[in-house]
Amino acid sequence: MKDRDPSILQMVRAQFLIGIVIPLTIGTLTAIAVSGVFHVAGFLLVLVVGLGLHVSTDVYNDIYDTKQGADTKGSSTRNYYSGGSGILAENPYLMKRMYMLARLGLLFSFLGMIGLLFVIDRGLWVYVIFIYLVSAFLSKY
């Protein structure tokens, strides 16, 4: 174990969470255009779902890249934007912690999706659940 473990923000590649801003903005503006109102609870729940799935995707990506050898220090494909964080290549003992972070991302996103069901029309439930399940599957695989 190193003297100083990477922070959780480094492990989830927090600098890339900004990627959720554009889809969230487009979705929010579309919802406002359709309904005519800004629903704060719905916005916050969608934010939780989006961030949870994003974190899960980034962390699972690091795990699988490391297992497949794409995150090794000598990899020609590894740079700041691709090849992952390299945290597991440098700190393999963090694998269990990374799995826990990925699973927590899925858990928080699932709880956000369940909460969202309470603030949207019942007729939309099947679509929200379907989109969530596909997103969660793609997050992991």
C-alpha atoms as a PDB file:
ATOM      1  CA  MET A   1       0.000   0.000   0.000  1.00  0.00           C
ATOM      2  CA  LYS A   2       1.271   3.464  -0.830  1.00  0.00           C
ATOM      3  CA  ASP A   3       1.603   6.225   1.741  1.00  0.00           C
ATOM      4  CA  ARG A   4      -1.284   8.081   0.150  1.00  0.00           C
ATOM      5  CA  ASP A   5      -4.113   6.317  -1.682  1.00  0.00           C
ATOM      6  CA  PRO A   6      -5.778   8.062  -4.622  1.00  0.00           C
ATOM      7  CA  SER A   7      -8.843  10.083  -3.632  1.00  0.00           C
ATOM      8  CA  ILE A   8     -12.344   8.947  -4.490  1.00  0.00           C
ATOM      9  CA  LEU A   9     -12.551  11.856  -6.943  1.00  0.00           C
ATOM     10  CA  GLN A  10      -9.489  10.503  -8.743  1.00  0.00           C
ATOM     11  CA  MET A  11     -10.862   6.969  -8.694  1.00  0.00           C
ATOM     12  CA  VAL A  12     -14.165   8.011 -10.306  1.00  0.00           C
ATOM     13  CA  ARG A  13     -12.398  10.351 -12.761  1.00  0.00           C
ATOM     14  CA  ALA A  14     -14.438  13.302 -11.517  1.00  0.00           C
ATOM     15  CA  GLN A  15     -12.988  15.663 -14.130  1.00  0.00           C
ATOM     16  CA  PHE A  16     -15.030  13.813 -16.763  1.00  0.00           C
ATOM     17  CA  LEU A  17     -18.345  14.076 -14.893  1.00  0.00           C
ATOM     18  CA  ILE A  18     -18.820  17.368 -16.732  1.00  0.00           C
ATOM     19  CA  GLY A  19     -19.919  15.135 -19.622  1.00  0.00           C
ATOM     20  CA  ILE A  20     -23.346  14.820 -17.998  1.00  0.00           C
ATOM     21  CA  VAL A  21     -24.021  18.573 -18.339  1.00  0.00           C
ATOM     22  CA  ILE A  22     -25.020  18.608 -22.025  1.00  0.00           C
ATOM     23  CA  PRO A  23     -27.465  15.653 -21.912  1.00  0.00           C
ATOM     24  CA  LEU A  24     -28.946  16.959 -18.659  1.00  0.00           C
ATOM     25  CA  THR A  25     -29.348  20.451 -20.111  1.00  0.00           C
ATOM     26  CA  ILE A  26     -30.970  19.149 -23.316  1.00  0.00           C
ATOM     27  CA  GLY A  27     -33.283  16.856 -21.356  1.00  0.00           C
ATOM     28  CA  THR A  28     -34.240  19.625 -18.939  1.00  0.00           C
ATOM     29  CA  LEU A  29     -34.954  22.102 -21.733  1.00  0.00           C
ATOM     30  CA  THR A  30     -37.020  19.484 -23.566  1.00  0.00           C
ATOM     31  CA  ALA A  31     -39.025  18.728 -20.408  1.00  0.00           C
ATOM     32  CA  ILE A  32     -39.633  22.441 -19.864  1.00  0.00           C
ATOM     33  CA  ALA A  33     -40.718  22.876 -23.500  1.00  0.00           C
ATOM     34  CA  VAL A  34     -43.179  19.980 -23.224  1.00  0.00           C
ATOM     35  CA  SER A  35     -44.584  20.677 -19.752  1.00  0.00           C
ATOM     36  CA  GLY A  36     -44.029  24.404 -19.419  1.00  0.00           C
ATOM     37  CA  VAL A  37     -42.548  24.063 -15.908  1.00  0.00           C
ATOM     38  CA  PHE A  38     -39.197  23.341 -14.319  1.00  0.00           C
ATOM     39  CA  HIS A  39     -39.586  20.429 -11.921  1.00  0.00           C
ATOM     40  CA  VAL A  40     -36.791  20.717  -9.336  1.00  0.00           C
ATOM     41  CA  ALA A  41     -37.273  17.262  -7.774  1.00  0.00           C
ATOM     42  CA  GLY A  42     -37.308  15.608 -11.193  1.00  0.00           C
ATOM     43  CA  PHE A  43     -34.185  17.502 -12.216  1.00  0.00           C
ATOM     44  CA  LEU A  44     -32.309  16.483  -9.068  1.00  0.00           C
ATOM     45  CA  LEU A  45     -33.347  12.835  -9.405  1.00  0.00           C
ATOM     46  CA  VAL A  46     -32.267  12.731 -13.050  1.00  0.00           C
ATOM     47  CA  LEU A  47     -28.977  14.326 -11.977  1.00  0.00           C
ATOM     48  CA  VAL A  48     -28.475  11.528  -9.401  1.00  0.00           C
ATOM     49  CA  VAL A  49     -29.268   8.880 -12.019  1.00  0.00           C
ATOM     50  CA  GLY A  50     -26.933  10.450 -14.564  1.00  0.00           C
ATOM     51  CA  LEU A  51     -24.041  10.945 -12.168  1.00  0.00           C
ATOM     52  CA  GLY A  52     -24.432   7.445 -10.726  1.00  0.00           C
ATOM     53  CA  LEU A  53     -24.386   5.836 -14.160  1.00  0.00           C
ATOM     54  CA  HIS A  54     -21.488   8.033 -15.267  1.00  0.00           C
ATOM     55  CA  VAL A  55     -19.410   7.114 -12.216  1.00  0.00           C
ATOM     56  CA  SER A  56     -20.234   3.448 -12.669  1.00  0.00           C
ATOM     57  CA  THR A  57     -19.267   3.551 -16.344  1.00  0.00           C
ATOM     58  CA  ASP A  58     -15.951   5.289 -15.683  1.00  0.00           C
ATOM     59  CA  VAL A  59     -14.965   2.969 -12.844  1.00  0.00           C
ATOM     60  CA  TYR A  60     -15.977  -0.238 -14.648  1.00  0.00           C
ATOM     61  CA  ASN A  61     -14.032   1.051 -17.657  1.00  0.00           C
ATOM     62  CA  ASP A  62     -10.920   1.428 -15.495  1.00  0.00           C
ATOM     63  CA  ILE A  63     -11.402  -2.064 -14.059  1.00  0.00           C
ATOM     64  CA  TYR A  64     -11.820  -3.744 -17.434  1.00  0.00           C
ATOM     65  CA  ASP A  65      -9.029  -1.720 -19.078  1.00  0.00           C
ATOM     66  CA  THR A  66      -6.680  -2.807 -16.307  1.00  0.00           C
ATOM     67  CA  LYS A  67      -7.708  -6.449 -16.558  1.00  0.00           C
ATOM     68  CA  GLN A  68      -7.195  -6.371 -20.349  1.00  0.00           C
ATOM     69  CA  GLY A  69      -3.836  -4.590 -20.129  1.00  0.00           C
ATOM     70  CA  ALA A  70      -4.932  -1.312 -21.754  1.00  0.00           C
ATOM     71  CA  ASP A  71      -4.022   0.723 -18.665  1.00  0.00           C
ATOM     72  CA  THR A  72      -0.425  -0.372 -18.347  1.00  0.00           C
ATOM     73  CA  LYS A  73       2.099   2.421 -18.105  1.00  0.00           C
ATOM     74  CA  GLY A  74       3.761   1.375 -21.354  1.00  0.00           C
ATOM     75  CA  SER A  75       0.538   1.156 -23.366  1.00  0.00           C
ATOM     76  CA  SER A  76       0.715   3.229 -26.548  1.00  0.00           C
ATOM     77  CA  THR A  77      -3.022   3.942 -26.393  1.00  0.00           C
ATOM     78  CA  ARG A  78      -2.973   5.389 -22.881  1.00  0.00           C
ATOM     79  CA  ASN A  79      -3.165   9.153 -22.445  1.00  0.00           C
ATOM     80  CA  TYR A  80      -5.127  11.699 -20.389  1.00  0.00           C
ATOM     81  CA  TYR A  81      -8.350  11.152 -22.355  1.00  0.00           C
ATOM     82  CA  SER A  82      -8.213   7.435 -23.135  1.00  0.00           C
ATOM     83  CA  GLY A  83      -6.963   4.335 -21.432  1.00  0.00           C
ATOM     84  CA  GLY A  84      -8.464   5.195 -18.065  1.00  0.00           C
ATOM     85  CA  SER A  85      -6.922   6.673 -14.979  1.00  0.00           C
ATOM     86  CA  GLY A  86      -4.216   4.064 -14.521  1.00  0.00           C
ATOM     87  CA  ILE A  87      -4.992   3.974 -10.801  1.00  0.00           C
ATOM     88  CA  LEU A  88      -5.375   0.201 -10.757  1.00  0.00           C
ATOM     89  CA  ALA A  89      -2.220  -0.305 -12.780  1.00  0.00           C
ATOM     90  CA  GLU A  90      -0.317   1.633 -10.130  1.00  0.00           C
ATOM     91  CA  ASN A  91      -2.378   0.421  -7.133  1.00  0.00           C
ATOM     92  CA  PRO A  92      -3.753  -3.070  -7.876  1.00  0.00           C
ATOM     93  CA  TYR A  93      -4.781  -3.495  -4.228  1.00  0.00           C
ATOM     94  CA  LEU A  94      -7.589  -0.971  -4.886  1.00  0.00           C
ATOM     95  CA  MET A  95      -9.532  -3.385  -7.142  1.00  0.00           C
ATOM     96  CA  LYS A  96     -12.130  -4.222  -4.454  1.00  0.00           C
ATOM     97  CA  ARG A  97     -12.608  -0.530  -3.675  1.00  0.00           C
ATOM     98  CA  MET A  98     -13.088   0.240  -7.376  1.00  0.00           C
ATOM     99  CA  TYR A  99     -15.715  -2.501  -7.680  1.00  0.00           C
ATOM    100  CA  MET A 100     -17.465  -1.053  -4.628  1.00  0.00           C
ATOM    101  CA  LEU A 101     -17.470   2.449  -6.183  1.00  0.00           C
ATOM    102  CA  ALA A 102     -18.874   1.115  -9.457  1.00  0.00           C
ATOM    103  CA  ARG A 103     -21.604  -0.785  -7.641  1.00  0.00           C
ATOM    104  CA  LEU A 104     -22.427   2.226  -5.467  1.00  0.00           C
ATOM    105  CA  GLY A 105     -22.808   4.284  -8.658  1.00  0.00           C
ATOM    106  CA  LEU A 106     -25.318   1.723  -9.924  1.00  0.00           C
ATOM    107  CA  LEU A 107     -27.104   1.665  -6.558  1.00  0.00           C
ATOM    108  CA  PHE A 108     -27.436   5.463  -6.356  1.00  0.00           C
ATOM    109  CA  SER A 109     -28.617   5.657  -9.956  1.00  0.00           C
ATOM    110  CA  PHE A 110     -31.167   2.894  -9.283  1.00  0.00           C
ATOM    111  CA  LEU A 111     -32.472   4.689  -6.199  1.00  0.00           C
ATOM    112  CA  GLY A 112     -32.686   7.918  -8.220  1.00  0.00           C
ATOM    113  CA  MET A 113     -34.664   6.104 -10.906  1.00  0.00           C
ATOM    114  CA  ILE A 114     -37.059   4.685  -8.293  1.00  0.00           C
ATOM    115  CA  GLY A 115     -37.510   8.185  -6.857  1.00  0.00           C
ATOM    116  CA  LEU A 116     -38.139   9.525 -10.348  1.00  0.00           C
ATOM    117  CA  LEU A 117     -41.053   7.127 -10.730  1.00  0.00           C
ATOM    118  CA  PHE A 118     -42.820   8.978  -7.915  1.00  0.00           C
ATOM    119  CA  VAL A 119     -42.633  12.351  -9.688  1.00  0.00           C
ATOM    120  CA  ILE A 120     -43.485  11.406 -13.289  1.00  0.00           C
ATOM    121  CA  ASP A 121     -46.684  10.232 -14.938  1.00  0.00           C
ATOM    122  CA  ARG A 122     -47.328   6.517 -14.530  1.00  0.00           C
ATOM    123  CA  GLY A 123     -47.580   6.160 -18.311  1.00  0.00           C
ATOM    124  CA  LEU A 124     -43.875   7.010 -18.591  1.00  0.00           C
ATOM    125  CA  TRP A 125     -42.682   4.403 -16.108  1.00  0.00           C
ATOM    126  CA  VAL A 126     -42.051   1.673 -18.671  1.00  0.00           C
ATOM    127  CA  TYR A 127     -39.880   4.028 -20.748  1.00  0.00           C
ATOM    128  CA  VAL A 128     -37.883   5.277 -17.774  1.00  0.00           C
ATOM    129  CA  ILE A 129     -37.325   1.733 -16.490  1.00  0.00           C
ATOM    130  CA  PHE A 130     -36.326   0.485 -19.951  1.00  0.00           C
ATOM    131  CA  ILE A 131     -33.903   3.367 -20.534  1.00  0.00           C
ATOM    132  CA  TYR A 132     -32.434   2.877 -17.067  1.00  0.00           C
ATOM    133  CA  LEU A 133     -31.933  -0.873 -17.499  1.00  0.00           C
ATOM    134  CA  VAL A 134     -30.245  -0.417 -20.878  1.00  0.00           C
ATOM    135  CA  SER A 135     -28.041   2.346 -19.461  1.00  0.00           C
ATOM    136  CA  ALA A 136     -27.081   0.275 -16.408  1.00  0.00           C
ATOM    137  CA  PHE A 137     -26.245  -2.710 -18.626  1.00  0.00           C
ATOM    138  CA  LEU A 138     -24.099  -0.566 -20.914  1.00  0.00           C
ATOM    139  CA  SER A 139     -22.461   1.036 -17.876  1.00  0.00           C
ATOM    140  CA  LYS A 140     -21.150  -2.329 -16.783  1.00  0.00           C
ATOM    141  CA  TYR A 141     -20.465  -3.919 -20.156  1.00  0.00           C
END
